[in-house]
Structures are given as structure tokens and as C-alpha cells.
Amino acid sequence: MSTHGYYRWPTHNDTVVFVCEDHLWSVAASGGVARRLTANPGGIQSPALSPDGALLAFVGRDEGPGEVFVMPAVGGEARRLTFLGETMRVCGWSRDRRDILFACSTHSPFSRSPLLYVVAADGGEPHLLPNGPAIHVSYGLSSGVVIERSESDLAR
């Protein structure tokens, strides 16, 4: 069995989903053979499994700039949720576990200062969160929130 490849952007619960060769792959958290979930023409990045493991959100680059997509975690047709035409990344799921969080520079005066947005997994308009510039957000189990403002600090 070959294990060669470049594996990126893992997300997990009972299943591990990751990006390899610009496609999404899934494997049981206990191990086994990974199976390809996508065959998109463009690259894929920053997948995030929903808390219940039913849905998978990710950024797809099928038509140029990345946009947020969602699909069943077991595979199937992906549905495009955003039409913003900017650099973005999926950050995860909202505290109520129904909406997708993503960082995007659409309304930011600087491309390296993205803002956080939320979009319903079943579609609709994205809404800006009142956090100011940020690239990632993580919610505690009952309260609390951690916001990552800049990646550039990590490179030093």
C-alpha cells in the first residue's frame, strides 16, 4: 500500500477528511483506506466537518478565486454558498453548529486583513461578524471565543 502524497488541512470527528492532490479524501478515524470525495477542476482548501459530521464545508477554486462550498460528508454534490470573488478560508462552524464561518477580504481595505463572516449551510447571504480583522475564530463549549488576527506572527 502506497502512502505517498502531500496531506493538508485535516478536519476530523469519527472520520478524518483532508486535502491531497487538490481533492478531498475521507478515512475512518480508526484507520483504513482513504476514499476520494471530490473530483473538482479547481483546488480545494480548508475543509471543516460540521459538529454532527453530516456536512463538509470547504473553499473551492472551480471558477478562479476561492468560494465557500458545502456537501454531504459522505460524498455527493457540492453546493456553492458564496459569490464574493476574494481570497477566503473556512474557519469552522458557528456556536449553534448550523452556520459556516469563513474569513474573507471582500470588504476589508487591505487584502491581508480579512474579516470574519457567517453563511447558513443551507444557503443565503453571508453576514459580517462584529469581530474586526481576523483570520480564524474558535468557540468554547459554553462560553468564550478565541480570535486569530494575523498569520504573519507565526512565521517569525
N, C-alpha and C. Protein backbone atom coordinates (compact mmCIF):
# COMPACT_ATOMS: atom_id res chain seq x y z
N MET A 1 0.83 -1.17 0.00
CA MET A 1 0.00 0.00 0.00
C MET A 1 0.88 1.24 0.00
N SER A 2 0.65 2.13 -0.90
CA SER A 2 1.41 3.36 -1.01
C SER A 2 0.82 4.43 -0.09
N THR A 3 1.68 5.17 0.59
CA THR A 3 1.23 6.26 1.45
C THR A 3 1.82 7.58 0.99
N HIS A 4 2.30 7.62 -0.24
CA HIS A 4 2.90 8.83 -0.76
C HIS A 4 1.83 9.87 -1.00
N GLY A 5 2.18 11.11 -0.82
CA GLY A 5 1.26 12.21 -1.06
C GLY A 5 1.57 13.36 -0.14
N TYR A 6 0.90 14.44 -0.37
CA TYR A 6 1.05 15.63 0.44
C TYR A 6 -0.31 15.90 1.05
N TYR A 7 -0.46 15.62 2.33
CA TYR A 7 -1.75 15.70 3.01
C TYR A 7 -1.84 17.03 3.77
N ARG A 8 -2.94 17.75 3.55
CA ARG A 8 -3.10 19.08 4.15
C ARG A 8 -4.50 19.26 4.70
N TRP A 9 -4.65 20.27 5.54
CA TRP A 9 -5.94 20.75 6.03
C TRP A 9 -6.79 19.64 6.66
N PRO A 10 -6.31 18.87 7.62
CA PRO A 10 -7.15 17.82 8.21
C PRO A 10 -8.28 18.39 9.07
N THR A 11 -9.41 17.74 9.04
CA THR A 11 -10.54 18.02 9.92
C THR A 11 -11.09 16.66 10.33
N HIS A 12 -11.62 16.54 11.54
CA HIS A 12 -11.99 15.20 11.98
C HIS A 12 -13.07 15.19 13.05
N ASN A 13 -13.71 14.08 13.17
CA ASN A 13 -14.55 13.62 14.28
C ASN A 13 -14.41 12.10 14.25
N ASP A 14 -15.44 11.35 13.88
CA ASP A 14 -15.30 9.90 13.68
C ASP A 14 -14.62 9.59 12.35
N THR A 15 -14.53 10.59 11.52
CA THR A 15 -13.91 10.50 10.20
C THR A 15 -12.84 11.57 10.09
N VAL A 16 -11.79 11.30 9.36
CA VAL A 16 -10.78 12.30 9.06
C VAL A 16 -10.94 12.67 7.60
N VAL A 17 -11.07 13.95 7.33
CA VAL A 17 -11.14 14.46 5.96
C VAL A 17 -9.92 15.36 5.77
N PHE A 18 -9.27 15.24 4.63
CA PHE A 18 -8.08 16.02 4.35
C PHE A 18 -8.01 16.32 2.86
N VAL A 19 -7.11 17.22 2.50
CA VAL A 19 -6.87 17.57 1.10
C VAL A 19 -5.58 16.91 0.66
N CYS A 20 -5.63 16.27 -0.49
CA CYS A 20 -4.44 15.69 -1.12
C CYS A 20 -4.63 15.81 -2.63
N GLU A 21 -3.63 16.32 -3.31
CA GLU A 21 -3.67 16.48 -4.76
C GLU A 21 -4.91 17.27 -5.19
N ASP A 22 -5.24 18.33 -4.43
CA ASP A 22 -6.36 19.23 -4.72
C ASP A 22 -7.73 18.58 -4.68
N HIS A 23 -7.87 17.48 -3.95
CA HIS A 23 -9.17 16.82 -3.77
C HIS A 23 -9.38 16.51 -2.30
N LEU A 24 -10.63 16.34 -1.92
CA LEU A 24 -10.98 15.93 -0.57
C LEU A 24 -10.98 14.42 -0.47
N TRP A 25 -10.42 13.90 0.60
CA TRP A 25 -10.36 12.47 0.86
C TRP A 25 -10.90 12.22 2.26
N SER A 26 -11.46 11.05 2.48
CA SER A 26 -12.04 10.68 3.77
C SER A 26 -11.55 9.30 4.18
N VAL A 27 -11.31 9.16 5.49
CA VAL A 27 -10.92 7.86 6.04
C VAL A 27 -11.46 7.80 7.47
N ALA A 28 -11.81 6.61 7.91
CA ALA A 28 -12.28 6.43 9.28
C ALA A 28 -11.17 6.86 10.25
N ALA A 29 -11.54 7.48 11.37
CA ALA A 29 -10.55 7.92 12.35
C ALA A 29 -9.77 6.74 12.91
N SER A 30 -10.35 5.54 12.86
CA SER A 30 -9.66 4.35 13.35
C SER A 30 -8.66 3.79 12.34
N GLY A 31 -8.66 4.35 11.11
CA GLY A 31 -7.73 3.91 10.08
C GLY A 31 -8.44 3.24 8.93
N GLY A 32 -7.68 2.85 7.94
CA GLY A 32 -8.25 2.20 6.77
C GLY A 32 -7.77 2.85 5.49
N VAL A 33 -8.46 2.59 4.42
CA VAL A 33 -8.11 3.14 3.12
C VAL A 33 -8.91 4.40 2.88
N ALA A 34 -8.24 5.48 2.51
CA ALA A 34 -8.91 6.75 2.23
C ALA A 34 -9.66 6.65 0.90
N ARG A 35 -10.78 7.34 0.83
CA ARG A 35 -11.57 7.36 -0.40
C ARG A 35 -11.77 8.81 -0.83
N ARG A 36 -11.64 9.05 -2.12
CA ARG A 36 -11.76 10.40 -2.65
C ARG A 36 -13.22 10.84 -2.67
N LEU A 37 -13.46 12.07 -2.19
CA LEU A 37 -14.82 12.61 -2.13
C LEU A 37 -15.13 13.57 -3.27
N THR A 38 -14.11 14.19 -3.85
CA THR A 38 -14.34 15.21 -4.88
C THR A 38 -13.53 14.94 -6.13
N ALA A 39 -14.00 15.53 -7.22
CA ALA A 39 -13.28 15.49 -8.50
C ALA A 39 -13.44 16.85 -9.17
N ASN A 40 -13.26 17.92 -8.38
CA ASN A 40 -13.43 19.28 -8.88
C ASN A 40 -12.29 19.66 -9.82
N PRO A 41 -12.55 20.56 -10.77
CA PRO A 41 -11.47 21.01 -11.66
C PRO A 41 -10.47 21.93 -10.97
N GLY A 42 -10.90 22.62 -9.90
CA GLY A 42 -10.02 23.56 -9.20
C GLY A 42 -9.54 22.98 -7.89
N GLY A 43 -8.64 23.71 -7.25
CA GLY A 43 -8.11 23.27 -5.97
C GLY A 43 -9.10 23.44 -4.84
N ILE A 44 -8.83 22.76 -3.74
CA ILE A 44 -9.67 22.79 -2.56
C ILE A 44 -8.78 23.06 -1.36
N GLN A 45 -9.31 23.84 -0.40
CA GLN A 45 -8.57 24.08 0.83
C GLN A 45 -9.52 24.26 2.01
N SER A 46 -8.99 24.24 3.16
CA SER A 46 -9.63 24.49 4.46
C SER A 46 -10.98 23.81 4.68
N PRO A 47 -11.05 22.48 4.56
CA PRO A 47 -12.30 21.80 4.86
C PRO A 47 -12.60 21.84 6.35
N ALA A 48 -13.89 21.79 6.68
CA ALA A 48 -14.32 21.73 8.08
C ALA A 48 -15.57 20.88 8.18
N LEU A 49 -15.47 19.78 8.91
CA LEU A 49 -16.64 18.92 9.15
C LEU A 49 -17.59 19.62 10.11
N SER A 50 -18.88 19.48 9.87
CA SER A 50 -19.86 20.02 10.81
C SER A 50 -19.75 19.25 12.12
N PRO A 51 -20.17 19.84 13.24
CA PRO A 51 -20.06 19.15 14.53
C PRO A 51 -20.76 17.80 14.57
N ASP A 52 -21.85 17.62 13.82
CA ASP A 52 -22.53 16.33 13.80
C ASP A 52 -21.96 15.38 12.76
N GLY A 53 -20.98 15.84 11.98
CA GLY A 53 -20.32 15.00 10.99
C GLY A 53 -21.09 14.79 9.71
N ALA A 54 -22.23 15.45 9.55
CA ALA A 54 -23.07 15.25 8.37
C ALA A 54 -22.64 16.07 7.16
N LEU A 55 -22.09 17.27 7.38
CA LEU A 55 -21.74 18.16 6.29
C LEU A 55 -20.26 18.49 6.30
N LEU A 56 -19.78 18.90 5.15
CA LEU A 56 -18.39 19.27 4.97
C LEU A 56 -18.34 20.59 4.22
N ALA A 57 -17.80 21.62 4.86
CA ALA A 57 -17.63 22.93 4.23
C ALA A 57 -16.18 23.05 3.78
N PHE A 58 -15.94 23.76 2.68
CA PHE A 58 -14.58 23.95 2.19
C PHE A 58 -14.54 25.11 1.22
N VAL A 59 -13.34 25.54 0.89
CA VAL A 59 -13.14 26.56 -0.14
C VAL A 59 -12.73 25.84 -1.41
N GLY A 60 -13.47 26.07 -2.48
CA GLY A 60 -13.17 25.51 -3.78
C GLY A 60 -12.82 26.60 -4.77
N ARG A 61 -11.92 26.30 -5.67
CA ARG A 61 -11.46 27.26 -6.68
C ARG A 61 -11.83 26.79 -8.09
N ASP A 62 -13.06 26.39 -8.27
CA ASP A 62 -13.50 25.89 -9.57
C ASP A 62 -13.56 26.97 -10.65
N GLU A 63 -13.87 28.19 -10.25
CA GLU A 63 -14.04 29.27 -11.23
C GLU A 63 -13.12 30.44 -10.96
N GLY A 64 -11.94 30.19 -10.44
CA GLY A 64 -11.00 31.26 -10.15
C GLY A 64 -10.79 31.44 -8.67
N PRO A 65 -11.17 32.62 -8.14
CA PRO A 65 -10.98 32.84 -6.70
C PRO A 65 -11.77 31.83 -5.88
N GLY A 66 -11.32 31.57 -4.67
CA GLY A 66 -11.99 30.62 -3.81
C GLY A 66 -13.37 31.09 -3.38
N GLU A 67 -14.27 30.14 -3.22
CA GLU A 67 -15.62 30.39 -2.71
C GLU A 67 -15.97 29.28 -1.74
N VAL A 68 -16.91 29.54 -0.83
CA VAL A 68 -17.32 28.54 0.15
C VAL A 68 -18.33 27.58 -0.49
N PHE A 69 -18.08 26.29 -0.30
CA PHE A 69 -18.96 25.23 -0.76
C PHE A 69 -19.33 24.36 0.43
N VAL A 70 -20.44 23.63 0.33
CA VAL A 70 -20.82 22.64 1.33
C VAL A 70 -21.33 21.40 0.61
N MET A 71 -21.08 20.24 1.21
CA MET A 71 -21.50 18.97 0.62
C MET A 71 -21.73 17.96 1.73
N PRO A 72 -22.44 16.87 1.45
CA PRO A 72 -22.55 15.81 2.44
C PRO A 72 -21.16 15.25 2.76
N ALA A 73 -20.90 14.97 4.00
CA ALA A 73 -19.58 14.48 4.41
C ALA A 73 -19.25 13.10 3.84
N VAL A 74 -20.27 12.35 3.46
CA VAL A 74 -20.04 11.02 2.88
C VAL A 74 -19.78 11.09 1.39
N GLY A 75 -19.86 12.28 0.82
CA GLY A 75 -19.67 12.47 -0.62
C GLY A 75 -20.96 12.90 -1.28
N GLY A 76 -20.85 13.38 -2.47
CA GLY A 76 -22.02 13.84 -3.20
C GLY A 76 -21.76 15.20 -3.81
N GLU A 77 -22.82 15.80 -4.30
CA GLU A 77 -22.69 17.08 -4.99
C GLU A 77 -22.43 18.22 -4.02
N ALA A 78 -21.44 19.05 -4.36
CA ALA A 78 -21.13 20.24 -3.56
C ALA A 78 -21.99 21.40 -4.04
N ARG A 79 -22.43 22.22 -3.09
CA ARG A 79 -23.27 23.38 -3.40
C ARG A 79 -22.49 24.65 -3.04
N ARG A 80 -22.37 25.57 -3.98
CA ARG A 80 -21.65 26.81 -3.76
C ARG A 80 -22.52 27.75 -2.92
N LEU A 81 -21.92 28.34 -1.87
CA LEU A 81 -22.67 29.21 -0.97
C LEU A 81 -22.30 30.68 -1.11
N THR A 82 -21.10 30.98 -1.59
CA THR A 82 -20.69 32.38 -1.70
C THR A 82 -20.34 32.73 -3.14
N PHE A 83 -20.42 34.01 -3.43
CA PHE A 83 -20.08 34.55 -4.75
C PHE A 83 -19.35 35.88 -4.52
N LEU A 84 -18.28 35.85 -3.75
CA LEU A 84 -17.59 37.07 -3.34
C LEU A 84 -16.35 37.38 -4.16
N GLY A 85 -15.74 36.37 -4.78
CA GLY A 85 -14.60 36.60 -5.65
C GLY A 85 -13.35 37.11 -4.96
N GLU A 86 -13.11 36.66 -3.75
CA GLU A 86 -11.94 37.10 -2.98
C GLU A 86 -11.24 35.92 -2.33
N THR A 87 -10.06 36.17 -1.83
CA THR A 87 -9.35 35.15 -1.07
C THR A 87 -10.12 34.86 0.21
N MET A 88 -10.30 33.58 0.53
CA MET A 88 -11.02 33.22 1.74
C MET A 88 -10.57 31.88 2.26
N ARG A 89 -11.01 31.60 3.50
CA ARG A 89 -10.75 30.30 4.11
C ARG A 89 -11.90 29.98 5.06
N VAL A 90 -12.32 28.72 5.07
CA VAL A 90 -13.33 28.27 6.02
C VAL A 90 -12.66 28.14 7.38
N CYS A 91 -13.30 28.69 8.41
CA CYS A 91 -12.75 28.66 9.77
C CYS A 91 -13.40 27.59 10.63
N GLY A 92 -14.59 27.16 10.27
CA GLY A 92 -15.29 26.16 11.08
C GLY A 92 -16.79 26.42 11.08
N TRP A 93 -17.41 26.09 12.19
CA TRP A 93 -18.86 26.18 12.32
C TRP A 93 -19.21 27.07 13.49
N SER A 94 -20.37 27.71 13.41
CA SER A 94 -20.82 28.64 14.45
C SER A 94 -21.12 27.91 15.75
N ARG A 95 -21.27 28.69 16.80
CA ARG A 95 -21.56 28.13 18.12
C ARG A 95 -22.85 27.31 18.12
N ASP A 96 -23.84 27.73 17.32
CA ASP A 96 -25.09 26.97 17.25
C ASP A 96 -24.99 25.75 16.33
N ARG A 97 -23.81 25.59 15.68
CA ARG A 97 -23.48 24.40 14.87
C ARG A 97 -24.26 24.29 13.56
N ARG A 98 -24.87 25.40 13.10
CA ARG A 98 -25.65 25.35 11.86
C ARG A 98 -25.04 26.15 10.73
N ASP A 99 -24.21 27.12 11.05
CA ASP A 99 -23.69 28.04 10.05
C ASP A 99 -22.18 27.88 9.88
N ILE A 100 -21.70 28.23 8.70
CA ILE A 100 -20.29 28.10 8.36
C ILE A 100 -19.60 29.44 8.58
N LEU A 101 -18.48 29.41 9.25
CA LEU A 101 -17.67 30.60 9.48
C LEU A 101 -16.54 30.64 8.47
N PHE A 102 -16.28 31.82 7.92
CA PHE A 102 -15.16 31.94 6.99
C PHE A 102 -14.55 33.33 7.08
N ALA A 103 -13.28 33.41 6.72
CA ALA A 103 -12.55 34.67 6.68
C ALA A 103 -12.39 35.08 5.22
N CYS A 104 -12.63 36.36 4.95
CA CYS A 104 -12.58 36.85 3.57
C CYS A 104 -12.21 38.32 3.57
N SER A 105 -11.50 38.75 2.54
CA SER A 105 -11.05 40.14 2.45
C SER A 105 -11.96 41.01 1.59
N THR A 106 -13.19 40.57 1.30
CA THR A 106 -14.09 41.30 0.41
C THR A 106 -14.30 42.75 0.81
N HIS A 107 -14.65 43.02 2.05
CA HIS A 107 -14.96 44.39 2.49
C HIS A 107 -13.84 45.01 3.32
N SER A 108 -12.69 44.40 3.29
CA SER A 108 -11.55 44.92 4.02
C SER A 108 -10.74 45.85 3.10
N PRO A 109 -10.22 46.94 3.63
CA PRO A 109 -9.41 47.82 2.79
C PRO A 109 -8.07 47.21 2.40
N PHE A 110 -7.66 46.16 3.10
CA PHE A 110 -6.38 45.52 2.83
C PHE A 110 -6.58 44.03 2.65
N SER A 111 -6.00 43.45 1.60
CA SER A 111 -6.21 42.03 1.32
C SER A 111 -5.62 41.12 2.40
N ARG A 112 -4.64 41.61 3.15
CA ARG A 112 -4.04 40.78 4.20
C ARG A 112 -4.71 41.01 5.56
N SER A 113 -5.87 41.66 5.56
CA SER A 113 -6.64 41.88 6.79
C SER A 113 -8.07 41.40 6.59
N PRO A 114 -8.27 40.09 6.45
CA PRO A 114 -9.62 39.59 6.20
C PRO A 114 -10.54 39.80 7.40
N LEU A 115 -11.82 39.72 7.13
CA LEU A 115 -12.86 39.84 8.15
C LEU A 115 -13.59 38.51 8.25
N LEU A 116 -14.24 38.28 9.38
CA LEU A 116 -14.98 37.03 9.59
C LEU A 116 -16.43 37.18 9.17
N TYR A 117 -16.93 36.14 8.50
CA TYR A 117 -18.31 36.10 8.02
C TYR A 117 -18.95 34.79 8.44
N VAL A 118 -20.27 34.76 8.38
CA VAL A 118 -21.02 33.55 8.61
C VAL A 118 -22.03 33.41 7.48
N VAL A 119 -22.22 32.17 7.01
CA VAL A 119 -23.22 31.88 5.98
C VAL A 119 -23.94 30.60 6.39
N ALA A 120 -25.24 30.58 6.21
CA ALA A 120 -26.02 29.39 6.56
C ALA A 120 -25.62 28.23 5.66
N ALA A 121 -25.55 27.04 6.23
CA ALA A 121 -25.17 25.86 5.46
C ALA A 121 -26.19 25.53 4.39
N ASP A 122 -27.43 25.98 4.55
CA ASP A 122 -28.44 25.74 3.52
C ASP A 122 -28.57 26.90 2.54
N GLY A 123 -27.66 27.87 2.61
CA GLY A 123 -27.61 28.96 1.66
C GLY A 123 -28.12 30.27 2.23
N GLY A 124 -27.91 31.33 1.49
CA GLY A 124 -28.33 32.66 1.91
C GLY A 124 -27.16 33.63 1.82
N GLU A 125 -27.43 34.86 2.22
CA GLU A 125 -26.40 35.90 2.17
C GLU A 125 -25.41 35.73 3.32
N PRO A 126 -24.13 35.90 3.05
CA PRO A 126 -23.15 35.90 4.14
C PRO A 126 -23.32 37.17 4.98
N HIS A 127 -23.05 37.05 6.28
CA HIS A 127 -23.15 38.19 7.18
C HIS A 127 -21.81 38.41 7.87
N LEU A 128 -21.41 39.68 7.93
CA LEU A 128 -20.17 40.07 8.58
C LEU A 128 -20.32 39.94 10.09
N LEU A 129 -19.33 39.35 10.74
CA LEU A 129 -19.32 39.27 12.20
C LEU A 129 -18.65 40.52 12.77
N PRO A 130 -19.04 40.94 13.95
CA PRO A 130 -18.53 42.20 14.52
C PRO A 130 -17.20 42.05 15.26
N ASN A 131 -16.27 41.27 14.72
CA ASN A 131 -15.02 40.99 15.42
C ASN A 131 -13.85 41.83 14.93
N GLY A 132 -14.00 42.56 13.85
CA GLY A 132 -12.87 43.26 13.27
C GLY A 132 -12.02 42.30 12.47
N PRO A 133 -10.85 42.74 12.01
CA PRO A 133 -9.99 41.87 11.21
C PRO A 133 -9.61 40.59 11.95
N ALA A 134 -9.74 39.46 11.26
CA ALA A 134 -9.38 38.17 11.85
C ALA A 134 -9.29 37.13 10.75
N ILE A 135 -8.51 36.08 11.00
CA ILE A 135 -8.39 35.00 10.03
C ILE A 135 -8.95 33.69 10.54
N HIS A 136 -9.23 33.62 11.85
CA HIS A 136 -9.77 32.38 12.41
C HIS A 136 -10.50 32.70 13.71
N VAL A 137 -11.50 31.87 14.02
CA VAL A 137 -12.24 32.01 15.27
C VAL A 137 -12.54 30.61 15.79
N SER A 138 -12.52 30.47 17.10
CA SER A 138 -12.86 29.20 17.72
C SER A 138 -13.67 29.48 18.98
N TYR A 139 -14.78 28.77 19.13
CA TYR A 139 -15.67 28.97 20.26
C TYR A 139 -15.46 27.91 21.31
N GLY A 140 -15.58 28.32 22.59
CA GLY A 140 -15.52 27.37 23.69
C GLY A 140 -16.82 26.58 23.77
N LEU A 141 -16.85 25.54 24.61
CA LEU A 141 -18.04 24.70 24.72
C LEU A 141 -19.24 25.45 25.25
N SER A 142 -19.07 26.29 26.26
CA SER A 142 -20.22 27.01 26.81
C SER A 142 -20.09 28.52 26.63
N SER A 143 -18.90 29.04 26.73
CA SER A 143 -18.69 30.46 26.51
C SER A 143 -17.24 30.67 26.12
N GLY A 144 -16.95 31.87 25.74
CA GLY A 144 -15.58 32.21 25.36
C GLY A 144 -15.35 32.05 23.88
N VAL A 145 -14.44 32.85 23.38
CA VAL A 145 -14.10 32.82 21.97
C VAL A 145 -12.63 33.22 21.83
N VAL A 146 -11.93 32.58 20.91
CA VAL A 146 -10.55 32.92 20.60
C VAL A 146 -10.50 33.36 19.15
N ILE A 147 -9.90 34.50 18.92
CA ILE A 147 -9.81 35.06 17.57
C ILE A 147 -8.34 35.20 17.19
N GLU A 148 -7.99 34.66 16.01
CA GLU A 148 -6.64 34.81 15.47
C GLU A 148 -6.67 35.97 14.50
N ARG A 149 -5.84 36.96 14.75
CA ARG A 149 -5.85 38.18 13.93
C ARG A 149 -4.88 38.13 12.76
N SER A 150 -3.73 37.47 12.92
CA SER A 150 -2.69 37.54 11.89
C SER A 150 -1.89 36.26 11.81
N GLU A 151 -1.67 35.79 10.59
CA GLU A 151 -0.78 34.65 10.36
C GLU A 151 0.68 35.05 10.37
N SER A 152 0.97 36.29 10.02
CA SER A 152 2.35 36.71 9.85
C SER A 152 3.14 36.59 11.15
N ASP A 153 2.48 36.66 12.30
CA ASP A 153 3.18 36.50 13.57
C ASP A 153 3.73 35.09 13.73
N LEU A 154 3.11 34.10 13.09
CA LEU A 154 3.53 32.71 13.21
C LEU A 154 4.83 32.43 12.46
N ALA A 155 5.13 33.22 11.46
CA ALA A 155 6.29 32.96 10.62
C ALA A 155 7.60 33.47 11.24
N ARG A 156 7.51 34.22 12.28
CA ARG A 156 8.72 34.80 12.88
C ARG A 156 9.38 33.94 13.87
